[in-house]
Amino acid sequence: MKLSQKEVEHIAGLARLKLNEAEKAQYSRELSAILDYVEKIQAADTTGVEETSQVTGLTNIMREDKIIESGISDELINCAPEAGNSYIKVPKIL
């Protein structure tokens, strides 16, 4: 599929790119080659081929979240310039 220079200009406008004439010609060739390759891939017979999203067989390993008390919260609060009721007081910003 051959992209015209006008189509490349339109795509560049959507991407907010400013291209000179040499770049427009270059991208016209490169994008046309990419679209040609996509057409070849679309022509492949994929009947009976199972969809895959992961080809290595790896899976995510999830663990339960556990709350573990560190025992240093009081020490950290005492380091703050101003604290009260187990919270650090900060100045208002609004």
PDB file of N, CA and C in Angstrom:
ATOM      1  N   MET A   1       0.849  -1.165   0.000  1.00  0.00           N
ATOM      2  CA  MET A   1       0.000   0.000   0.000  1.00  0.00           C
ATOM      3  C   MET A   1       0.900   1.234   0.000  1.00  0.00           C
ATOM      4  N   LYS A   2       0.800   2.035  -0.988  1.00  0.00           N
ATOM      5  CA  LYS A   2       1.622   3.232  -1.136  1.00  0.00           C
ATOM      6  C   LYS A   2       0.923   4.412  -0.474  1.00  0.00           C
ATOM      7  N   LEU A   3       1.604   5.040   0.474  1.00  0.00           N
ATOM      8  CA  LEU A   3       1.072   6.230   1.121  1.00  0.00           C
ATOM      9  C   LEU A   3       1.506   7.458   0.335  1.00  0.00           C
ATOM     10  N   SER A   4       0.580   8.341   0.113  1.00  0.00           N
ATOM     11  CA  SER A   4       0.915   9.580  -0.582  1.00  0.00           C
ATOM     12  C   SER A   4       1.558  10.562   0.402  1.00  0.00           C
ATOM     13  N   GLN A   5       2.190  11.562  -0.145  1.00  0.00           N
ATOM     14  CA  GLN A   5       2.820  12.567   0.701  1.00  0.00           C
ATOM     15  C   GLN A   5       1.765  13.330   1.494  1.00  0.00           C
ATOM     16  N   LYS A   6       0.589  13.498   0.910  1.00  0.00           N
ATOM     17  CA  LYS A   6      -0.507  14.183   1.602  1.00  0.00           C
ATOM     18  C   LYS A   6      -0.952  13.367   2.821  1.00  0.00           C
ATOM     19  N   GLU A   7      -1.016  12.034   2.683  1.00  0.00           N
ATOM     20  CA  GLU A   7      -1.383  11.175   3.811  1.00  0.00           C
ATOM     21  C   GLU A   7      -0.324  11.238   4.911  1.00  0.00           C
ATOM     22  N   VAL A   8       0.946  11.278   4.512  1.00  0.00           N
ATOM     23  CA  VAL A   8       2.024  11.401   5.491  1.00  0.00           C
ATOM     24  C   VAL A   8       1.915  12.742   6.212  1.00  0.00           C
ATOM     25  N   GLU A   9       1.605  13.806   5.482  1.00  0.00           N
ATOM     26  CA  GLU A   9       1.419  15.117   6.103  1.00  0.00           C
ATOM     27  C   GLU A   9       0.269  15.082   7.113  1.00  0.00           C
ATOM     28  N   HIS A  10      -0.805  14.375   6.761  1.00  0.00           N
ATOM     29  CA  HIS A  10      -1.945  14.255   7.668  1.00  0.00           C
ATOM     30  C   HIS A  10      -1.542  13.504   8.940  1.00  0.00           C
ATOM     31  N   ILE A  11      -0.837  12.392   8.787  1.00  0.00           N
ATOM     32  CA  ILE A  11      -0.381  11.616   9.942  1.00  0.00           C
ATOM     33  C   ILE A  11       0.566  12.447  10.801  1.00  0.00           C
ATOM     34  N   ALA A  12       1.476  13.180  10.152  1.00  0.00           N
ATOM     35  CA  ALA A  12       2.410  14.036  10.884  1.00  0.00           C
ATOM     36  C   ALA A  12       1.649  15.122  11.649  1.00  0.00           C
ATOM     37  N   GLY A  13       0.605  15.642  11.057  1.00  0.00           N
ATOM     38  CA  GLY A  13      -0.216  16.643  11.738  1.00  0.00           C
ATOM     39  C   GLY A  13      -0.901  16.072  12.961  1.00  0.00           C
ATOM     40  N   LEU A  14      -1.402  14.832  12.859  1.00  0.00           N
ATOM     41  CA  LEU A  14      -2.038  14.186  14.006  1.00  0.00           C
ATOM     42  C   LEU A  14      -1.033  13.962  15.131  1.00  0.00           C
ATOM     43  N   ALA A  15       0.213  13.657  14.748  1.00  0.00           N
ATOM     44  CA  ALA A  15       1.268  13.421  15.733  1.00  0.00           C
ATOM     45  C   ALA A  15       1.966  14.715  16.139  1.00  0.00           C
ATOM     46  N   ARG A  16       1.506  15.828  15.573  1.00  0.00           N
ATOM     47  CA  ARG A  16       2.083  17.144  15.843  1.00  0.00           C
ATOM     48  C   ARG A  16       3.576  17.176  15.534  1.00  0.00           C
ATOM     49  N   LEU A  17       3.923  16.629  14.365  1.00  0.00           N
ATOM     50  CA  LEU A  17       5.305  16.629  13.894  1.00  0.00           C
ATOM     51  C   LEU A  17       5.441  17.594  12.740  1.00  0.00           C
ATOM     52  N   LYS A  18       6.536  18.321  12.716  1.00  0.00           N
ATOM     53  CA  LYS A  18       6.828  19.179  11.574  1.00  0.00           C
ATOM     54  C   LYS A  18       7.920  18.490  10.774  1.00  0.00           C
ATOM     55  N   LEU A  19       7.594  18.098   9.550  1.00  0.00           N
ATOM     56  CA  LEU A  19       8.527  17.369   8.694  1.00  0.00           C
ATOM     57  C   LEU A  19       8.924  18.222   7.507  1.00  0.00           C
ATOM     58  N   ASN A  20      10.197  18.101   7.109  1.00  0.00           N
ATOM     59  CA  ASN A  20      10.605  18.769   5.877  1.00  0.00           C
ATOM     60  C   ASN A  20      10.315  17.826   4.703  1.00  0.00           C
ATOM     61  N   GLU A  21      10.566  18.284   3.506  1.00  0.00           N
ATOM     62  CA  GLU A  21      10.218  17.500   2.309  1.00  0.00           C
ATOM     63  C   GLU A  21      10.962  16.163   2.265  1.00  0.00           C
ATOM     64  N   ALA A  22      12.231  16.154   2.647  1.00  0.00           N
ATOM     65  CA  ALA A  22      13.016  14.909   2.635  1.00  0.00           C
ATOM     66  C   ALA A  22      12.447  13.905   3.630  1.00  0.00           C
ATOM     67  N   GLU A  23      12.057  14.387   4.809  1.00  0.00           N
ATOM     68  CA  GLU A  23      11.487  13.498   5.818  1.00  0.00           C
ATOM     69  C   GLU A  23      10.138  12.954   5.368  1.00  0.00           C
ATOM     70  N   LYS A  24       9.339  13.787   4.704  1.00  0.00           N
ATOM     71  CA  LYS A  24       8.042  13.319   4.199  1.00  0.00           C
ATOM     72  C   LYS A  24       8.230  12.195   3.196  1.00  0.00           C
ATOM     73  N   ALA A  25       9.189  12.341   2.304  1.00  0.00           N
ATOM     74  CA  ALA A  25       9.459  11.296   1.309  1.00  0.00           C
ATOM     75  C   ALA A  25       9.966  10.027   1.997  1.00  0.00           C
ATOM     76  N   GLN A  26      10.850  10.193   2.973  1.00  0.00           N
ATOM     77  CA  GLN A  26      11.401   9.049   3.697  1.00  0.00           C
ATOM     78  C   GLN A  26      10.299   8.297   4.443  1.00  0.00           C
ATOM     79  N   TYR A  27       9.476   9.032   5.182  1.00  0.00           N
ATOM     80  CA  TYR A  27       8.410   8.393   5.948  1.00  0.00           C
ATOM     81  C   TYR A  27       7.356   7.784   5.032  1.00  0.00           C
ATOM     82  N   SER A  28       7.140   8.370   3.879  1.00  0.00           N
ATOM     83  CA  SER A  28       6.202   7.791   2.919  1.00  0.00           C
ATOM     84  C   SER A  28       6.683   6.406   2.504  1.00  0.00           C
ATOM     85  N   ARG A  29       7.975   6.290   2.194  1.00  0.00           N
ATOM     86  CA  ARG A  29       8.541   4.980   1.818  1.00  0.00           C
ATOM     87  C   ARG A  29       8.486   3.998   2.979  1.00  0.00           C
ATOM     88  N   GLU A  30       8.920   4.448   4.166  1.00  0.00           N
ATOM     89  CA  GLU A  30       8.991   3.546   5.313  1.00  0.00           C
ATOM     90  C   GLU A  30       7.610   3.085   5.775  1.00  0.00           C
ATOM     91  N   LEU A  31       6.660   4.000   5.860  1.00  0.00           N
ATOM     92  CA  LEU A  31       5.310   3.618   6.284  1.00  0.00           C
ATOM     93  C   LEU A  31       4.638   2.724   5.251  1.00  0.00           C
ATOM     94  N   SER A  32       4.899   2.983   3.973  1.00  0.00           N
ATOM     95  CA  SER A  32       4.350   2.121   2.920  1.00  0.00           C
ATOM     96  C   SER A  32       4.902   0.709   3.039  1.00  0.00           C
ATOM     97  N   ALA A  33       6.198   0.580   3.337  1.00  0.00           N
ATOM     98  CA  ALA A  33       6.803  -0.745   3.510  1.00  0.00           C
ATOM     99  C   ALA A  33       6.196  -1.468   4.701  1.00  0.00           C
ATOM    100  N   ILE A  34       5.948  -0.739   5.780  1.00  0.00           N
ATOM    101  CA  ILE A  34       5.332  -1.345   6.967  1.00  0.00           C
ATOM    102  C   ILE A  34       3.928  -1.836   6.638  1.00  0.00           C
ATOM    103  N   LEU A  35       3.148  -1.017   5.939  1.00  0.00           N
ATOM    104  CA  LEU A  35       1.782  -1.413   5.588  1.00  0.00           C
ATOM    105  C   LEU A  35       1.774  -2.591   4.623  1.00  0.00           C
ATOM    106  N   ASP A  36       2.747  -2.655   3.709  1.00  0.00           N
ATOM    107  CA  ASP A  36       2.865  -3.812   2.820  1.00  0.00           C
ATOM    108  C   ASP A  36       3.113  -5.080   3.627  1.00  0.00           C
ATOM    109  N   TYR A  37       3.971  -4.994   4.617  1.00  0.00           N
ATOM    110  CA  TYR A  37       4.266  -6.149   5.453  1.00  0.00           C
ATOM    111  C   TYR A  37       3.040  -6.572   6.250  1.00  0.00           C
ATOM    112  N   VAL A  38       2.272  -5.615   6.753  1.00  0.00           N
ATOM    113  CA  VAL A  38       1.047  -5.935   7.490  1.00  0.00           C
ATOM    114  C   VAL A  38       0.052  -6.653   6.581  1.00  0.00           C
ATOM    115  N   GLU A  39      -0.031  -6.227   5.333  1.00  0.00           N
ATOM    116  CA  GLU A  39      -0.922  -6.908   4.381  1.00  0.00           C
ATOM    117  C   GLU A  39      -0.495  -8.356   4.165  1.00  0.00           C
ATOM    118  N   LYS A  40       0.817  -8.617   4.115  1.00  0.00           N
ATOM    119  CA  LYS A  40       1.303  -9.997   3.970  1.00  0.00           C
ATOM    120  C   LYS A  40       0.924 -10.825   5.184  1.00  0.00           C
ATOM    121  N   ILE A  41       1.060 -10.234   6.362  1.00  0.00           N
ATOM    122  CA  ILE A  41       0.721 -10.963   7.588  1.00  0.00           C
ATOM    123  C   ILE A  41      -0.774 -11.256   7.635  1.00  0.00           C
ATOM    124  N   GLN A  42      -1.603 -10.293   7.219  1.00  0.00           N
ATOM    125  CA  GLN A  42      -3.047 -10.500   7.233  1.00  0.00           C
ATOM    126  C   GLN A  42      -3.471 -11.589   6.257  1.00  0.00           C
ATOM    127  N   ALA A  43      -2.679 -11.838   5.225  1.00  0.00           N
ATOM    128  CA  ALA A  43      -3.017 -12.853   4.243  1.00  0.00           C
ATOM    129  C   ALA A  43      -2.722 -14.266   4.746  1.00  0.00           C
ATOM    130  N   ALA A  44      -1.994 -14.395   5.846  1.00  0.00           N
ATOM    131  CA  ALA A  44      -1.641 -15.714   6.375  1.00  0.00           C
ATOM    132  C   ALA A  44      -2.882 -16.417   6.903  1.00  0.00           C
ATOM    133  N   ASP A  45      -2.957 -17.733   6.642  1.00  0.00           N
ATOM    134  CA  ASP A  45      -4.081 -18.543   7.119  1.00  0.00           C
ATOM    135  C   ASP A  45      -3.843 -18.894   8.590  1.00  0.00           C
ATOM    136  N   THR A  46      -4.692 -18.393   9.464  1.00  0.00           N
ATOM    137  CA  THR A  46      -4.538 -18.639  10.897  1.00  0.00           C
ATOM    138  C   THR A  46      -5.669 -19.490  11.465  1.00  0.00           C
ATOM    139  N   THR A  47      -6.417 -20.159  10.615  1.00  0.00           N
ATOM    140  CA  THR A  47      -7.486 -21.022  11.126  1.00  0.00           C
ATOM    141  C   THR A  47      -6.853 -22.170  11.902  1.00  0.00           C
ATOM    142  N   GLY A  48      -7.397 -22.435  13.049  1.00  0.00           N
ATOM    143  CA  GLY A  48      -6.883 -23.514  13.886  1.00  0.00           C
ATOM    144  C   GLY A  48      -5.699 -23.110  14.750  1.00  0.00           C
ATOM    145  N   VAL A  49      -5.272 -21.884  14.644  1.00  0.00           N
ATOM    146  CA  VAL A  49      -4.170 -21.414  15.476  1.00  0.00           C
ATOM    147  C   VAL A  49      -4.760 -20.768  16.728  1.00  0.00           C
ATOM    148  N   GLU A  50      -4.325 -21.264  17.873  1.00  0.00           N
ATOM    149  CA  GLU A  50      -4.850 -20.761  19.127  1.00  0.00           C
ATOM    150  C   GLU A  50      -4.247 -19.389  19.443  1.00  0.00           C
ATOM    151  N   GLU A  51      -5.082 -18.488  19.958  1.00  0.00           N
ATOM    152  CA  GLU A  51      -4.604 -17.159  20.323  1.00  0.00           C
ATOM    153  C   GLU A  51      -3.640 -17.262  21.496  1.00  0.00           C
ATOM    154  N   THR A  52      -2.594 -16.464  21.453  1.00  0.00           N
ATOM    155  CA  THR A  52      -1.636 -16.443  22.551  1.00  0.00           C
ATOM    156  C   THR A  52      -1.311 -15.001  22.921  1.00  0.00           C
ATOM    157  N   SER A  53      -1.097 -14.777  24.191  1.00  0.00           N
ATOM    158  CA  SER A  53      -0.644 -13.468  24.635  1.00  0.00           C
ATOM    159  C   SER A  53       0.702 -13.586  25.326  1.00  0.00           C
ATOM    160  N   GLN A  54       1.133 -14.816  25.597  1.00  0.00           N
ATOM    161  CA  GLN A  54       2.396 -15.072  26.271  1.00  0.00           C
ATOM    162  C   GLN A  54       2.961 -16.355  25.698  1.00  0.00           C
ATOM    163  N   VAL A  55       4.148 -16.320  25.146  1.00  0.00           N
ATOM    164  CA  VAL A  55       4.677 -17.504  24.470  1.00  0.00           C
ATOM    165  C   VAL A  55       5.729 -18.245  25.274  1.00  0.00           C
ATOM    166  N   THR A  56       6.197 -17.679  26.383  1.00  0.00           N
ATOM    167  CA  THR A  56       7.263 -18.328  27.141  1.00  0.00           C
ATOM    168  C   THR A  56       6.736 -19.299  28.182  1.00  0.00           C
ATOM    169  N   GLY A  57       5.436 -19.247  28.491  1.00  0.00           N
ATOM    170  CA  GLY A  57       4.871 -20.133  29.499  1.00  0.00           C
ATOM    171  C   GLY A  57       4.995 -19.591  30.912  1.00  0.00           C
ATOM    172  N   LEU A  58       5.603 -18.424  31.059  1.00  0.00           N
ATOM    173  CA  LEU A  58       5.741 -17.833  32.387  1.00  0.00           C
ATOM    174  C   LEU A  58       4.403 -17.259  32.848  1.00  0.00           C
ATOM    175  N   THR A  59       4.179 -17.316  34.132  1.00  0.00           N
ATOM    176  CA  THR A  59       2.968 -16.726  34.699  1.00  0.00           C
ATOM    177  C   THR A  59       3.354 -15.811  35.851  1.00  0.00           C
ATOM    178  N   ASN A  60       2.485 -14.879  36.148  1.00  0.00           N
ATOM    179  CA  ASN A  60       2.722 -13.999  37.289  1.00  0.00           C
ATOM    180  C   ASN A  60       2.540 -14.773  38.580  1.00  0.00           C
ATOM    181  N   ILE A  61       3.424 -14.542  39.512  1.00  0.00           N
ATOM    182  CA  ILE A  61       3.314 -15.181  40.819  1.00  0.00           C
ATOM    183  C   ILE A  61       2.827 -14.117  41.790  1.00  0.00           C
ATOM    184  N   MET A  62       1.657 -14.337  42.315  1.00  0.00           N
ATOM    185  CA  MET A  62       1.060 -13.364  43.226  1.00  0.00           C
ATOM    186  C   MET A  62       1.079 -13.953  44.631  1.00  0.00           C
ATOM    187  N   ARG A  63       1.311 -13.102  45.592  1.00  0.00           N
ATOM    188  CA  ARG A  63       1.272 -13.541  46.984  1.00  0.00           C
ATOM    189  C   ARG A  63       0.283 -12.682  47.744  1.00  0.00           C
ATOM    190  N   GLU A  64      -0.160 -13.184  48.853  1.00  0.00           N
ATOM    191  CA  GLU A  64      -1.075 -12.438  49.704  1.00  0.00           C
ATOM    192  C   GLU A  64      -0.343 -11.262  50.328  1.00  0.00           C
ATOM    193  N   ASP A  65      -1.008 -10.135  50.410  1.00  0.00           N
ATOM    194  CA  ASP A  65      -0.446  -8.994  51.118  1.00  0.00           C
ATOM    195  C   ASP A  65      -0.561  -9.244  52.616  1.00  0.00           C
ATOM    196  N   LYS A  66       0.536  -9.038  53.320  1.00  0.00           N
ATOM    197  CA  LYS A  66       0.529  -9.219  54.765  1.00  0.00           C
ATOM    198  C   LYS A  66       0.995  -7.924  55.403  1.00  0.00           C
ATOM    199  N   ILE A  67       0.287  -7.489  56.432  1.00  0.00           N
ATOM    200  CA  ILE A  67       0.680  -6.306  57.181  1.00  0.00           C
ATOM    201  C   ILE A  67       1.620  -6.755  58.287  1.00  0.00           C
ATOM    202  N   ILE A  68       2.822  -6.205  58.255  1.00  0.00           N
ATOM    203  CA  ILE A  68       3.813  -6.543  59.272  1.00  0.00           C
ATOM    204  C   ILE A  68       4.207  -5.253  59.977  1.00  0.00           C
ATOM    205  N   GLU A  69       3.971  -5.207  61.268  1.00  0.00           N
ATOM    206  CA  GLU A  69       4.324  -4.028  62.043  1.00  0.00           C
ATOM    207  C   GLU A  69       5.835  -3.950  62.169  1.00  0.00           C
ATOM    208  N   SER A  70       6.385  -2.769  61.856  1.00  0.00           N
ATOM    209  CA  SER A  70       7.835  -2.596  61.933  1.00  0.00           C
ATOM    210  C   SER A  70       8.297  -2.283  63.344  1.00  0.00           C
ATOM    211  N   GLY A  71       7.412  -1.684  64.135  1.00  0.00           N
ATOM    212  CA  GLY A  71       7.765  -1.360  65.509  1.00  0.00           C
ATOM    213  C   GLY A  71       8.540  -0.065  65.651  1.00  0.00           C
ATOM    214  N   ILE A  72       8.720   0.671  64.555  1.00  0.00           N
ATOM    215  CA  ILE A  72       9.489   1.915  64.656  1.00  0.00           C
ATOM    216  C   ILE A  72       8.641   3.148  64.371  1.00  0.00           C
ATOM    217  N   SER A  73       7.334   2.987  64.271  1.00  0.00           N
ATOM    218  CA  SER A  73       6.477   4.124  63.929  1.00  0.00           C
ATOM    219  C   SER A  73       6.583   5.239  64.961  1.00  0.00           C
ATOM    220  N   ASP A  74       6.625   4.896  66.247  1.00  0.00           N
ATOM    221  CA  ASP A  74       6.735   5.935  67.275  1.00  0.00           C
ATOM    222  C   ASP A  74       8.068   6.673  67.165  1.00  0.00           C
ATOM    223  N   GLU A  75       9.133   5.956  66.854  1.00  0.00           N
ATOM    224  CA  GLU A  75      10.442   6.589  66.699  1.00  0.00           C
ATOM    225  C   GLU A  75      10.431   7.569  65.520  1.00  0.00           C
ATOM    226  N   LEU A  76       9.802   7.158  64.426  1.00  0.00           N
ATOM    227  CA  LEU A  76       9.741   8.025  63.253  1.00  0.00           C
ATOM    228  C   LEU A  76       8.902   9.266  63.520  1.00  0.00           C
ATOM    229  N   ILE A  77       7.790   9.104  64.198  1.00  0.00           N
ATOM    230  CA  ILE A  77       6.929  10.246  64.511  1.00  0.00           C
ATOM    231  C   ILE A  77       7.656  11.212  65.442  1.00  0.00           C
ATOM    232  N   ASN A  78       8.442  10.681  66.375  1.00  0.00           N
ATOM    233  CA  ASN A  78       9.196  11.543  67.283  1.00  0.00           C
ATOM    234  C   ASN A  78      10.276  12.335  66.552  1.00  0.00           C
ATOM    235  N   CYS A  79      10.712  11.893  65.402  1.00  0.00           N
ATOM    236  CA  CYS A  79      11.724  12.616  64.614  1.00  0.00           C
ATOM    237  C   CYS A  79      11.119  13.807  63.871  1.00  0.00           C
ATOM    238  N   ALA A  80       9.800  13.817  63.709  1.00  0.00           N
ATOM    239  CA  ALA A  80       9.139  14.897  62.962  1.00  0.00           C
ATOM    240  C   ALA A  80       9.178  16.190  63.759  1.00  0.00           C
ATOM    241  N   PRO A  81       9.235  17.341  63.059  1.00  0.00           N
ATOM    242  CA  PRO A  81       9.251  18.617  63.771  1.00  0.00           C
ATOM    243  C   PRO A  81       8.003  18.847  64.612  1.00  0.00           C
ATOM    244  N   GLU A  82       6.870  18.359  64.139  1.00  0.00           N
ATOM    245  CA  GLU A  82       5.622  18.555  64.881  1.00  0.00           C
ATOM    246  C   GLU A  82       4.758  17.303  64.715  1.00  0.00           C
ATOM    247  N   ALA A  83       4.274  16.753  65.810  1.00  0.00           N
ATOM    248  CA  ALA A  83       3.475  15.528  65.751  1.00  0.00           C
ATOM    249  C   ALA A  83       2.384  15.588  66.799  1.00  0.00           C
ATOM    250  N   GLY A  84       1.365  14.740  66.630  1.00  0.00           N
ATOM    251  CA  GLY A  84       0.286  14.649  67.592  1.00  0.00           C
ATOM    252  C   GLY A  84      -0.620  13.488  67.259  1.00  0.00           C
ATOM    253  N   ASN A  85      -1.083  12.749  68.266  1.00  0.00           N
ATOM    254  CA  ASN A  85      -1.980  11.599  68.103  1.00  0.00           C
ATOM    255  C   ASN A  85      -1.428  10.573  67.118  1.00  0.00           C
ATOM    256  N   SER A  86      -0.152  10.293  67.194  1.00  0.00           N
ATOM    257  CA  SER A  86       0.521   9.304  66.335  1.00  0.00           C
ATOM    258  C   SER A  86       0.526   9.697  64.854  1.00  0.00           C
ATOM    259  N   TYR A  87       0.422  10.985  64.565  1.00  0.00           N
ATOM    260  CA  TYR A  87       0.470  11.470  63.188  1.00  0.00           C
ATOM    261  C   TYR A  87       1.477  12.612  63.105  1.00  0.00           C
ATOM    262  N   ILE A  88       2.046  12.803  61.929  1.00  0.00           N
ATOM    263  CA  ILE A  88       2.942  13.925  61.688  1.00  0.00           C
ATOM    264  C   ILE A  88       2.104  15.102  61.234  1.00  0.00           C
ATOM    265  N   LYS A  89       2.297  16.259  61.883  1.00  0.00           N
ATOM    266  CA  LYS A  89       1.562  17.461  61.499  1.00  0.00           C
ATOM    267  C   LYS A  89       2.370  18.206  60.445  1.00  0.00           C
ATOM    268  N   VAL A  90       1.682  18.639  59.398  1.00  0.00           N
ATOM    269  CA  VAL A  90       2.328  19.401  58.325  1.00  0.00           C
ATOM    270  C   VAL A  90       1.561  20.687  58.127  1.00  0.00           C
ATOM    271  N   PRO A  91       2.225  21.726  57.599  1.00  0.00           N
ATOM    272  CA  PRO A  91       1.502  22.989  57.394  1.00  0.00           C
ATOM    273  C   PRO A  91       0.489  22.880  56.268  1.00  0.00           C
ATOM    274  N   LYS A  92      -0.564  23.671  56.376  1.00  0.00           N
ATOM    275  CA  LYS A  92      -1.577  23.728  55.325  1.00  0.00           C
ATOM    276  C   LYS A  92      -0.950  24.347  54.085  1.00  0.00           C
ATOM    277  N   ILE A  93      -1.340  23.843  52.908  1.00  0.00           N
ATOM    278  CA  ILE A  93      -0.788  24.405  51.673  1.00  0.00           C
ATOM    279  C   ILE A  93      -1.838  25.119  50.832  1.00  0.00           C
ATOM    280  N   LEU A  94      -3.067  25.076  51.253  1.00  0.00           N
ATOM    281  CA  LEU A  94      -4.121  25.749  50.485  1.00  0.00           C
ATOM    282  C   LEU A  94      -4.606  26.964  51.196  1.00  0.00           C
TER     283      LEU A  94
END
